Amino acid sequence: MNKPIEFLLICTLILFSCKQEKDLPKEENIKNQKGFPFHLPDKKPNRAMSAAMERIYTDYPSPRPEKNELFSQFKYTKLEGFDYNDHDGTISRRDPSKTIFHNGKYYVWYTHRETPVPPVGIPNAHKSNDTIPSSDWDLADIYYATSEDGFTWEEQGVAIPRPPAPNVGHRSVTTTDILEWKGKYYLYYQAFSVASGKNGGDDCPVAVSYADSPDGPWTPTNQIVIPNGAEGEWDMNSIHDPYPLIHNGKIYIYYKSDFGERPDLVRMQGLAIADNPLGPFTKHPLNPLITSGHETSLFPFKKGVAALVYKDGPEHNTVQYAEDWVNFEIASITELMPYAAAPHVPDAFTNTKDGRGITWGLAHFINVTNDWDKFSSKLVRFDCDLSQDVHDPEMKQHRVNHAPDVYYRQGLSEKQKEARSKKSSE
């Protein structure tokens, strides 16, 4: 080897080794440092710390949850104005869209099933037909409602009916979300042509309808706007929960899909981007972008986008944030998050560079009677403080006590009780 080059390599190795030693806290310094300050510093202190203490300064916006704008508890309120036929399973409302405010009223769209009988369940999908639903979202249409205050709603009727066969969605149209773009309105939704369960899962792509007013009339394109992935890809079977936002002058649609098959499926979230609401949409090459969450629920926040990540996966019950709208990190960990959260996002479509956050929205409760023979869902309101403009101390509490009934409802199944009783008697 050339001697000058050999000398340079040796010097480089020595410098690298010295840097590593410098970066590592010396054992004697750790032993001799004073105890951690009594008042938790807002900024990372210049001292050796455990991995856990390092993490609260490097991984979260604030070391104290109550000072973290992306931490909140959630509170729930029953909605007025909807009839569920005494929750006998024949009427169900679920999967609300984001709400928008137009001409002095809030608007929301949602999955509405009204069938002669309750769903038979996906395991019994072979028993479903043109009047018997397999699932809670089978044989559904998209309805809408309006409200002056967000608490009392008036159902206006169907917005997107099931189209006639063989158009995509002729079996069921569900799980919609709204986009406002250049004076027009677009509803994206899951479009089923086969009853859920008959093909082994929830095989559906995304379709879209458009209108000049939130009140319609809506014109369906009767085309697939975001197709399933290619054979062997993570989203080959479904594109669920299309959720549009505007960023950098483009339409960003976040969506959910499933790895694998029941009972081992894993849900994650991806992104598709377009210059035109009717496509073509290009899926992001880094998909999936969020490794958990049962539904998509996002909102612009500061320069980036935040996501409510509830249920399913290793990072559930978290609020996550991506300044670049792609690479998400956990911003907070919370509890009792809304199921199918559909927040009110005033700047969802403003192409904002300073998202203000959210304080309320709609969600749903499923199987509200806990009777699988009368399965139905209902819409509910949630409130929170994930906003730059609000500071609600009650929402920022991180010691929340729940009534005993909340815990007892998570009790052992009969099978679990039998197994534990048998084991204790041995």
Protein backbone atom coordinates (compact mmCIF):
# COMPACT_ATOMS: atom_id res chain seq x y z
CA MET A 1 0.00 0.00 0.00
CA ASN A 2 1.19 3.53 -0.74
CA LYS A 3 2.71 4.89 2.51
CA PRO A 4 0.92 8.31 2.45
CA ILE A 5 -2.41 6.53 1.96
CA GLU A 6 -1.58 4.03 4.71
CA PHE A 7 -0.71 6.88 7.07
CA LEU A 8 -3.97 8.68 6.22
CA LEU A 9 -6.02 5.54 6.95
CA ILE A 10 -4.31 5.05 10.30
CA CYS A 11 -4.97 8.68 11.28
CA THR A 12 -8.60 8.35 10.25
CA LEU A 13 -9.06 5.22 12.38
CA ILE A 14 -7.43 6.93 15.36
CA LEU A 15 -9.69 9.98 15.00
CA PHE A 16 -12.79 7.79 14.63
CA SER A 17 -11.83 5.82 17.71
CA CYS A 18 -11.25 9.03 19.69
CA LYS A 19 -14.62 10.38 18.58
CA GLN A 20 -16.36 7.20 19.72
CA GLU A 21 -14.69 7.44 23.11
CA LYS A 22 -15.60 11.11 23.36
CA ASP A 23 -19.25 10.40 22.49
CA LEU A 24 -19.54 7.74 25.15
CA PRO A 25 -19.97 9.05 28.72
CA LYS A 26 -16.99 8.02 30.79
CA GLU A 27 -17.87 5.68 33.63
CA GLU A 28 -16.22 7.87 36.24
CA ASN A 29 -18.19 10.92 35.01
CA ILE A 30 -21.46 8.97 35.30
CA LYS A 31 -20.62 7.90 38.83
CA ASN A 32 -19.65 11.38 39.92
CA GLN A 33 -22.50 13.39 38.35
CA LYS A 34 -25.13 14.85 40.67
CA GLY A 35 -28.69 13.61 40.81
CA PHE A 36 -31.13 14.57 38.08
CA PRO A 37 -32.79 17.98 38.66
CA PHE A 38 -35.96 18.00 40.77
CA HIS A 39 -37.81 20.17 38.22
CA LEU A 40 -37.94 18.31 34.92
CA PRO A 41 -36.09 20.54 32.38
CA ASP A 42 -38.04 21.57 29.28
CA LYS A 43 -34.88 21.21 27.21
CA LYS A 44 -32.50 18.26 27.13
CA PRO A 45 -29.87 18.75 29.87
CA ASN A 46 -26.17 18.37 29.13
CA ARG A 47 -25.52 15.22 31.15
CA ALA A 48 -25.38 11.46 30.84
CA MET A 49 -28.88 9.96 30.88
CA SER A 50 -30.56 6.60 30.60
CA ALA A 51 -32.09 5.48 27.31
CA ALA A 52 -35.57 6.30 28.65
CA MET A 53 -34.60 9.85 29.64
CA GLU A 54 -32.85 10.39 26.31
CA ARG A 55 -35.98 9.23 24.54
CA ILE A 56 -38.38 11.71 26.11
CA TYR A 57 -36.19 14.56 24.84
CA THR A 58 -35.40 13.17 21.39
CA ASP A 59 -38.54 11.25 20.40
CA TYR A 60 -41.35 13.50 21.66
CA PRO A 61 -42.21 17.18 21.14
CA SER A 62 -42.06 17.73 24.92
CA PRO A 63 -40.87 15.64 27.89
CA ARG A 64 -44.15 16.49 29.69
CA PRO A 65 -47.38 15.22 28.05
CA GLU A 66 -49.39 18.28 29.10
CA LYS A 67 -46.98 20.54 27.16
CA ASN A 68 -47.12 18.34 24.06
CA GLU A 69 -49.51 19.83 21.49
CA LEU A 70 -49.90 16.35 19.97
CA PHE A 71 -51.02 14.71 23.21
CA SER A 72 -54.66 14.62 24.27
CA GLN A 73 -57.28 12.59 26.05
CA PHE A 74 -60.60 12.07 24.24
CA LYS A 75 -64.13 12.72 25.48
CA TYR A 76 -67.33 11.39 23.87
CA THR A 77 -70.86 12.74 23.42
CA LYS A 78 -73.98 10.99 22.15
CA LEU A 79 -75.31 12.48 18.93
CA GLU A 80 -78.93 13.55 18.59
CA GLY A 81 -81.05 13.14 15.48
CA PHE A 82 -80.32 9.56 14.34
CA ASP A 83 -82.73 6.62 14.67
CA TYR A 84 -81.33 3.07 14.94
CA ASN A 85 -84.57 1.07 15.18
CA ASP A 86 -83.84 0.19 18.82
CA HIS A 87 -80.50 -1.27 17.71
CA ASP A 88 -82.11 -4.45 16.39
CA GLY A 89 -79.31 -4.77 13.83
CA THR A 90 -81.29 -3.64 10.79
CA ILE A 91 -79.96 -0.05 10.71
CA SER A 92 -76.30 0.84 11.01
CA ARG A 93 -74.31 4.05 10.56
CA ARG A 94 -70.53 3.93 10.64
CA ASP A 95 -67.24 5.17 9.15
CA PRO A 96 -67.97 8.91 8.98
CA SER A 97 -66.06 11.24 6.70
CA LYS A 98 -64.28 14.39 7.79
CA THR A 99 -66.83 17.09 8.51
CA ILE A 100 -66.78 20.27 6.45
CA PHE A 101 -68.45 23.62 7.13
CA HIS A 102 -70.50 25.09 4.26
CA ASN A 103 -73.17 27.83 4.22
CA GLY A 104 -73.50 27.87 8.00
CA LYS A 105 -73.77 24.10 8.46
CA TYR A 106 -71.52 21.13 9.11
CA TYR A 107 -71.74 18.26 6.65
CA VAL A 108 -70.77 14.62 7.17
CA TRP A 109 -71.03 11.53 4.96
CA TYR A 110 -71.07 7.95 6.24
CA THR A 111 -71.81 4.28 5.56
CA HIS A 112 -75.54 3.59 5.99
CA ARG A 113 -76.92 0.06 6.00
CA GLU A 114 -80.67 -0.53 6.24
CA THR A 115 -81.54 -4.17 5.65
CA PRO A 116 -84.46 -6.45 6.58
CA VAL A 117 -82.19 -8.51 8.84
CA PRO A 118 -78.87 -8.01 10.66
CA PRO A 119 -75.62 -9.23 9.05
CA VAL A 120 -74.87 -12.94 9.26
CA GLY A 121 -71.15 -12.29 9.81
CA ILE A 122 -68.16 -12.80 7.55
CA PRO A 123 -67.66 -16.46 8.62
CA ASN A 124 -71.21 -17.07 7.29
CA ALA A 125 -70.83 -14.97 4.16
CA HIS A 126 -72.05 -17.91 2.06
CA LYS A 127 -75.50 -17.33 3.59
CA SER A 128 -75.70 -13.72 2.36
CA ASN A 129 -77.74 -12.74 -0.69
CA ASP A 130 -79.32 -9.64 -2.22
CA THR A 131 -81.18 -8.80 1.01
CA ILE A 132 -79.09 -10.54 3.69
CA PRO A 133 -75.82 -8.75 4.43
CA SER A 134 -72.65 -10.63 5.23
CA SER A 135 -71.08 -7.79 7.25
CA ASP A 136 -72.09 -4.55 8.91
CA TRP A 137 -70.93 -2.62 5.81
CA ASP A 138 -72.46 -4.96 3.24
CA LEU A 139 -75.46 -3.82 1.14
CA ALA A 140 -74.75 -0.23 2.21
CA ASP A 141 -75.10 3.19 0.61
CA ILE A 142 -73.44 6.48 1.48
CA TYR A 143 -75.75 8.91 3.29
CA TYR A 144 -75.14 12.41 4.58
CA ALA A 145 -76.35 14.63 7.42
CA THR A 146 -76.03 18.28 8.42
CA SER A 147 -75.76 20.10 11.75
CA GLU A 148 -75.56 23.66 13.03
CA ASP A 149 -73.60 22.77 16.19
CA GLY A 150 -71.95 19.37 15.62
CA PHE A 151 -74.10 17.70 18.31
CA THR A 152 -77.60 17.50 16.81
CA TRP A 153 -77.78 16.21 13.23
CA GLU A 154 -80.44 15.98 10.56
CA GLU A 155 -80.10 13.12 8.11
CA GLN A 156 -80.56 14.36 4.55
CA GLY A 157 -80.69 10.99 2.83
CA VAL A 158 -78.62 9.12 0.30
CA ALA A 159 -75.67 10.84 -1.37
CA ILE A 160 -74.07 7.91 -3.22
CA PRO A 161 -76.36 4.94 -3.91
CA ARG A 162 -75.07 1.58 -5.02
CA PRO A 163 -74.78 1.73 -8.81
CA PRO A 164 -76.44 -0.91 -10.97
CA ALA A 165 -74.42 -4.03 -11.80
CA PRO A 166 -71.90 -4.57 -13.25
CA ASN A 167 -70.52 -1.14 -12.18
CA VAL A 168 -67.86 -1.20 -9.49
CA GLY A 169 -69.54 -0.87 -6.09
CA HIS A 170 -72.83 -2.46 -7.11
CA ARG A 171 -72.74 -4.68 -4.00
CA SER A 172 -71.89 -1.93 -1.49
CA VAL A 173 -70.38 1.56 -1.28
CA THR A 174 -68.79 2.36 2.07
CA THR A 175 -66.22 4.24 4.16
CA THR A 176 -66.21 7.51 2.28
CA ASP A 177 -64.26 10.73 2.70
CA ILE A 178 -64.59 14.20 1.25
CA LEU A 179 -62.29 16.42 -0.82
CA GLU A 180 -62.92 20.04 -1.80
CA TRP A 181 -60.84 21.02 -4.84
CA LYS A 182 -61.15 24.15 -6.99
CA GLY A 183 -64.83 24.74 -6.19
CA LYS A 184 -65.93 21.15 -6.66
CA TYR A 185 -66.48 18.30 -4.20
CA TYR A 186 -65.30 14.71 -4.44
CA LEU A 187 -66.31 11.67 -2.40
CA TYR A 188 -63.90 8.74 -2.44
CA TYR A 189 -65.19 5.40 -1.18
CA GLN A 190 -64.66 1.66 -1.02
CA ALA A 191 -66.50 -0.02 -3.88
CA PHE A 192 -67.52 -3.64 -3.32
CA SER A 193 -68.70 -5.87 -6.13
CA VAL A 194 -68.75 -9.02 -3.97
CA ALA A 195 -70.06 -9.48 -0.43
CA SER A 196 -67.31 -9.25 2.18
CA GLY A 197 -66.16 -12.71 3.14
CA LYS A 198 -67.20 -14.50 -0.02
CA ASN A 199 -63.75 -14.04 -1.51
CA GLY A 200 -61.95 -14.60 1.79
CA GLY A 201 -61.73 -10.97 2.86
CA ASP A 202 -62.62 -7.39 2.00
CA ASP A 203 -61.58 -7.21 -1.64
CA CYS A 204 -62.32 -3.72 -2.87
CA PRO A 205 -60.67 -0.83 -4.72
CA VAL A 206 -61.50 2.89 -4.46
CA ALA A 207 -64.07 4.71 -6.60
CA VAL A 208 -65.08 8.40 -6.69
CA SER A 209 -68.10 10.63 -7.36
CA TYR A 210 -68.11 14.42 -7.79
CA ALA A 211 -70.53 17.34 -7.41
CA ASP A 212 -70.73 21.13 -7.54
CA SER A 213 -72.27 21.30 -4.05
CA PRO A 214 -72.03 19.27 -0.83
CA ASP A 215 -75.75 18.61 -1.32
CA GLY A 216 -75.12 16.98 -4.69
CA PRO A 217 -76.25 15.67 -7.05
CA TRP A 218 -73.22 13.37 -7.21
CA THR A 219 -71.94 12.00 -10.50
CA PRO A 220 -70.16 8.64 -10.25
CA THR A 221 -67.24 7.97 -12.56
CA ASN A 222 -67.95 4.23 -12.29
CA GLN A 223 -64.20 3.72 -12.55
CA ILE A 224 -61.54 2.51 -10.15
CA VAL A 225 -59.47 5.55 -9.16
CA ILE A 226 -56.98 3.77 -6.85
CA PRO A 227 -56.54 0.11 -7.79
CA ASN A 228 -55.39 -2.71 -5.57
CA GLY A 229 -51.70 -3.53 -5.67
CA ALA A 230 -50.18 -6.04 -8.04
CA GLU A 231 -50.19 -9.74 -7.19
CA GLY A 232 -47.88 -10.39 -4.26
CA GLU A 233 -47.81 -6.76 -3.05
CA TRP A 234 -48.93 -5.69 0.43
CA ASP A 235 -52.13 -4.00 -0.85
CA MET A 236 -53.05 -6.59 -3.48
CA ASN A 237 -56.46 -7.34 -1.91
CA SER A 238 -57.83 -3.98 -0.83
CA ILE A 239 -57.51 -0.22 -0.68
CA HIS A 240 -59.53 0.81 2.39
CA ASP A 241 -60.37 4.12 4.05
CA PRO A 242 -59.35 6.63 1.34
CA TYR A 243 -58.56 9.88 3.18
CA PRO A 244 -57.77 12.97 1.04
CA LEU A 245 -55.79 16.06 2.06
CA ILE A 246 -54.11 18.81 0.02
CA HIS A 247 -50.34 19.25 0.26
CA ASN A 248 -47.91 21.02 -2.08
CA GLY A 249 -50.76 21.67 -4.48
CA LYS A 250 -51.44 17.94 -4.91
CA ILE A 251 -54.07 15.50 -3.68
CA TYR A 252 -52.65 13.18 -1.02
CA ILE A 253 -54.86 10.18 -0.31
CA TYR A 254 -53.80 8.07 2.64
CA TYR A 255 -55.30 4.58 2.77
CA LYS A 256 -55.21 1.31 4.71
CA SER A 257 -54.56 -2.22 3.56
CA ASP A 258 -53.86 -5.66 5.00
CA PHE A 259 -50.86 -7.95 4.87
CA GLY A 260 -51.78 -11.61 4.76
CA GLU A 261 -55.09 -13.29 5.50
CA ARG A 262 -57.30 -13.85 8.53
CA PRO A 263 -56.57 -14.57 11.29
CA ASP A 264 -52.98 -13.42 10.74
CA LEU A 265 -53.55 -10.23 8.77
CA VAL A 266 -51.59 -7.10 9.69
CA ARG A 267 -52.99 -3.64 8.92
CA MET A 268 -50.79 -0.76 7.76
CA GLN A 269 -51.25 2.54 5.93
CA GLY A 270 -49.97 3.94 2.65
CA LEU A 271 -50.22 7.01 0.43
CA ALA A 272 -51.22 7.74 -3.18
CA ILE A 273 -50.66 11.16 -4.83
CA ALA A 274 -52.25 12.86 -7.85
CA ASP A 275 -52.45 16.24 -9.58
CA ASN A 276 -56.10 15.68 -10.46
CA PRO A 277 -58.89 14.40 -8.18
CA LEU A 278 -59.84 11.80 -10.80
CA GLY A 279 -56.27 10.55 -11.05
CA PRO A 280 -54.08 8.96 -12.07
CA PHE A 281 -52.81 8.33 -8.53
CA THR A 282 -49.24 7.19 -7.92
CA LYS A 283 -48.56 5.12 -4.84
CA HIS A 284 -45.60 6.27 -2.76
CA PRO A 285 -42.55 4.00 -3.23
CA LEU A 286 -41.95 3.85 0.54
CA ASN A 287 -45.42 2.41 1.29
CA PRO A 288 -46.50 1.40 3.85
CA LEU A 289 -45.81 4.60 5.78
CA ILE A 290 -47.63 3.85 9.06
CA THR A 291 -47.26 0.39 10.59
CA SER A 292 -50.43 0.37 12.72
CA GLY A 293 -53.98 1.69 12.88
CA HIS A 294 -57.34 0.26 11.94
CA GLU A 295 -58.46 3.36 10.00
CA THR A 296 -56.92 6.42 8.39
CA SER A 297 -57.33 9.68 10.32
CA LEU A 298 -54.94 12.55 9.63
CA PHE A 299 -54.72 16.35 9.77
CA PRO A 300 -52.19 19.03 8.78
CA PHE A 301 -50.13 20.15 11.75
CA LYS A 302 -47.49 22.89 11.52
CA LYS A 303 -45.36 22.04 8.45
CA GLY A 304 -46.33 18.38 8.42
CA VAL A 305 -49.19 15.99 8.99
CA ALA A 306 -50.35 14.18 12.13
CA ALA A 307 -52.14 10.84 12.30
CA LEU A 308 -54.41 9.26 14.91
CA VAL A 309 -53.22 5.65 15.02
CA TYR A 310 -55.80 3.55 16.85
CA LYS A 311 -55.99 -0.26 17.14
CA ASP A 312 -53.94 -2.91 15.35
CA GLY A 313 -50.19 -3.12 15.10
CA PRO A 314 -47.16 -2.43 17.30
CA GLU A 315 -47.69 1.35 17.48
CA HIS A 316 -51.42 1.55 18.18
CA ASN A 317 -52.85 4.14 20.58
CA THR A 318 -50.38 6.76 19.37
CA VAL A 319 -50.50 10.14 17.67
CA GLN A 320 -47.81 10.22 14.98
CA TYR A 321 -46.25 13.05 13.01
CA ALA A 322 -44.39 13.41 9.70
CA GLU A 323 -42.94 16.82 8.84
CA ASP A 324 -42.32 15.58 5.28
CA TRP A 325 -45.79 13.93 5.13
CA VAL A 326 -44.12 10.54 4.59
CA ASN A 327 -41.83 9.47 7.44
CA PHE A 328 -43.97 9.16 10.57
CA GLU A 329 -42.66 9.15 14.13
CA ILE A 330 -44.56 8.67 17.40
CA ALA A 331 -45.39 12.06 18.92
CA SER A 332 -47.48 10.84 21.87
CA ILE A 333 -49.07 7.79 23.44
CA THR A 334 -52.64 8.05 24.70
CA GLU A 335 -55.78 5.99 25.45
CA LEU A 336 -59.46 5.55 24.57
CA MET A 337 -58.83 6.89 21.09
CA PRO A 338 -61.82 7.32 18.77
CA TYR A 339 -62.73 4.34 16.60
CA ALA A 340 -62.81 5.39 12.91
CA ALA A 341 -61.99 8.97 13.88
CA ALA A 342 -63.16 11.57 11.38
CA PRO A 343 -61.93 14.92 12.70
CA HIS A 344 -63.16 18.34 11.73
CA VAL A 345 -60.13 19.70 9.82
CA PRO A 346 -60.73 23.33 8.77
CA ASP A 347 -57.45 23.52 6.82
CA ALA A 348 -57.63 20.07 5.19
CA PHE A 349 -57.89 21.58 1.71
CA THR A 350 -56.17 24.98 2.07
CA ASN A 351 -52.68 23.77 1.12
CA THR A 352 -51.56 25.15 4.47
CA LYS A 353 -47.92 25.35 5.56
CA ASP A 354 -48.97 25.82 9.19
CA GLY A 355 -51.65 23.30 10.10
CA ARG A 356 -53.58 24.40 13.18
CA GLY A 357 -54.74 20.98 14.39
CA ILE A 358 -58.09 19.59 15.54
CA THR A 359 -60.44 19.82 18.55
CA TRP A 360 -63.40 17.59 17.62
CA GLY A 361 -64.84 15.17 15.12
CA LEU A 362 -67.09 12.16 14.64
CA ALA A 363 -66.36 8.46 15.09
CA HIS A 364 -68.34 5.25 15.54
CA PHE A 365 -69.05 2.56 18.11
CA ILE A 366 -69.47 -0.95 16.71
CA ASN A 367 -71.71 -3.75 17.98
CA VAL A 368 -73.31 -1.26 20.33
CA THR A 369 -75.54 -3.87 22.04
CA ASN A 370 -72.71 -6.42 22.34
CA ASP A 371 -75.07 -8.87 20.65
CA TRP A 372 -73.51 -10.47 17.58
CA ASP A 373 -76.96 -11.48 16.33
CA LYS A 374 -78.00 -7.81 16.23
CA PHE A 375 -74.73 -6.31 15.04
CA SER A 376 -74.91 -2.61 14.21
CA SER A 377 -72.85 0.55 14.65
CA LYS A 378 -73.66 4.11 15.66
CA LEU A 379 -72.05 7.51 15.12
CA VAL A 380 -70.62 9.44 18.07
CA ARG A 381 -68.87 12.76 18.65
CA PHE A 382 -65.39 13.02 20.16
CA ASP A 383 -63.57 16.09 21.48
CA CYS A 384 -59.85 16.55 22.11
CA ASP A 385 -57.07 19.14 22.20
CA LEU A 386 -54.63 18.49 19.35
CA SER A 387 -54.52 22.13 18.37
CA GLN A 388 -52.04 24.99 18.29
CA ASP A 389 -54.83 27.42 19.16
CA VAL A 390 -56.38 25.73 22.21
CA HIS A 391 -55.01 24.72 25.59
CA ASP A 392 -57.55 22.65 27.50
CA PRO A 393 -56.02 21.32 30.76
CA GLU A 394 -58.75 18.68 31.11
CA MET A 395 -57.78 17.20 27.75
CA LYS A 396 -54.10 17.19 28.73
CA GLN A 397 -54.45 15.11 31.90
CA HIS A 398 -52.35 11.98 31.79
CA ARG A 399 -53.85 10.32 34.86
CA VAL A 400 -57.41 9.47 33.86
CA ASN A 401 -59.52 7.24 36.10
CA HIS A 402 -62.12 5.05 34.41
CA ALA A 403 -65.20 3.58 36.09
CA PRO A 404 -64.90 -0.08 37.14
CA ASP A 405 -67.45 -1.05 34.48
CA VAL A 406 -64.97 -0.01 31.76
CA TYR A 407 -62.59 -2.69 33.04
CA TYR A 408 -65.20 -5.35 33.81
CA ARG A 409 -66.43 -5.15 30.22
CA GLN A 410 -62.99 -6.39 29.19
CA GLY A 411 -63.54 -9.56 31.25
CA LEU A 412 -62.47 -13.12 30.54
CA SER A 413 -64.37 -15.08 27.93
CA GLU A 414 -66.14 -18.27 29.02
CA LYS A 415 -63.39 -20.28 27.33
CA GLN A 416 -60.71 -18.39 29.26
CA LYS A 417 -62.57 -18.81 32.57
CA GLU A 418 -62.92 -22.56 32.00
CA ALA A 419 -59.21 -22.92 31.18
CA ARG A 420 -58.11 -20.97 34.26
CA SER A 421 -60.53 -22.77 36.56
CA LYS A 422 -59.25 -26.11 35.33
CA LYS A 423 -55.64 -25.06 35.82
CA SER A 424 -56.19 -23.76 39.37
CA SER A 425 -57.84 -27.05 40.41
CA GLU A 426 -54.89 -29.18 39.26
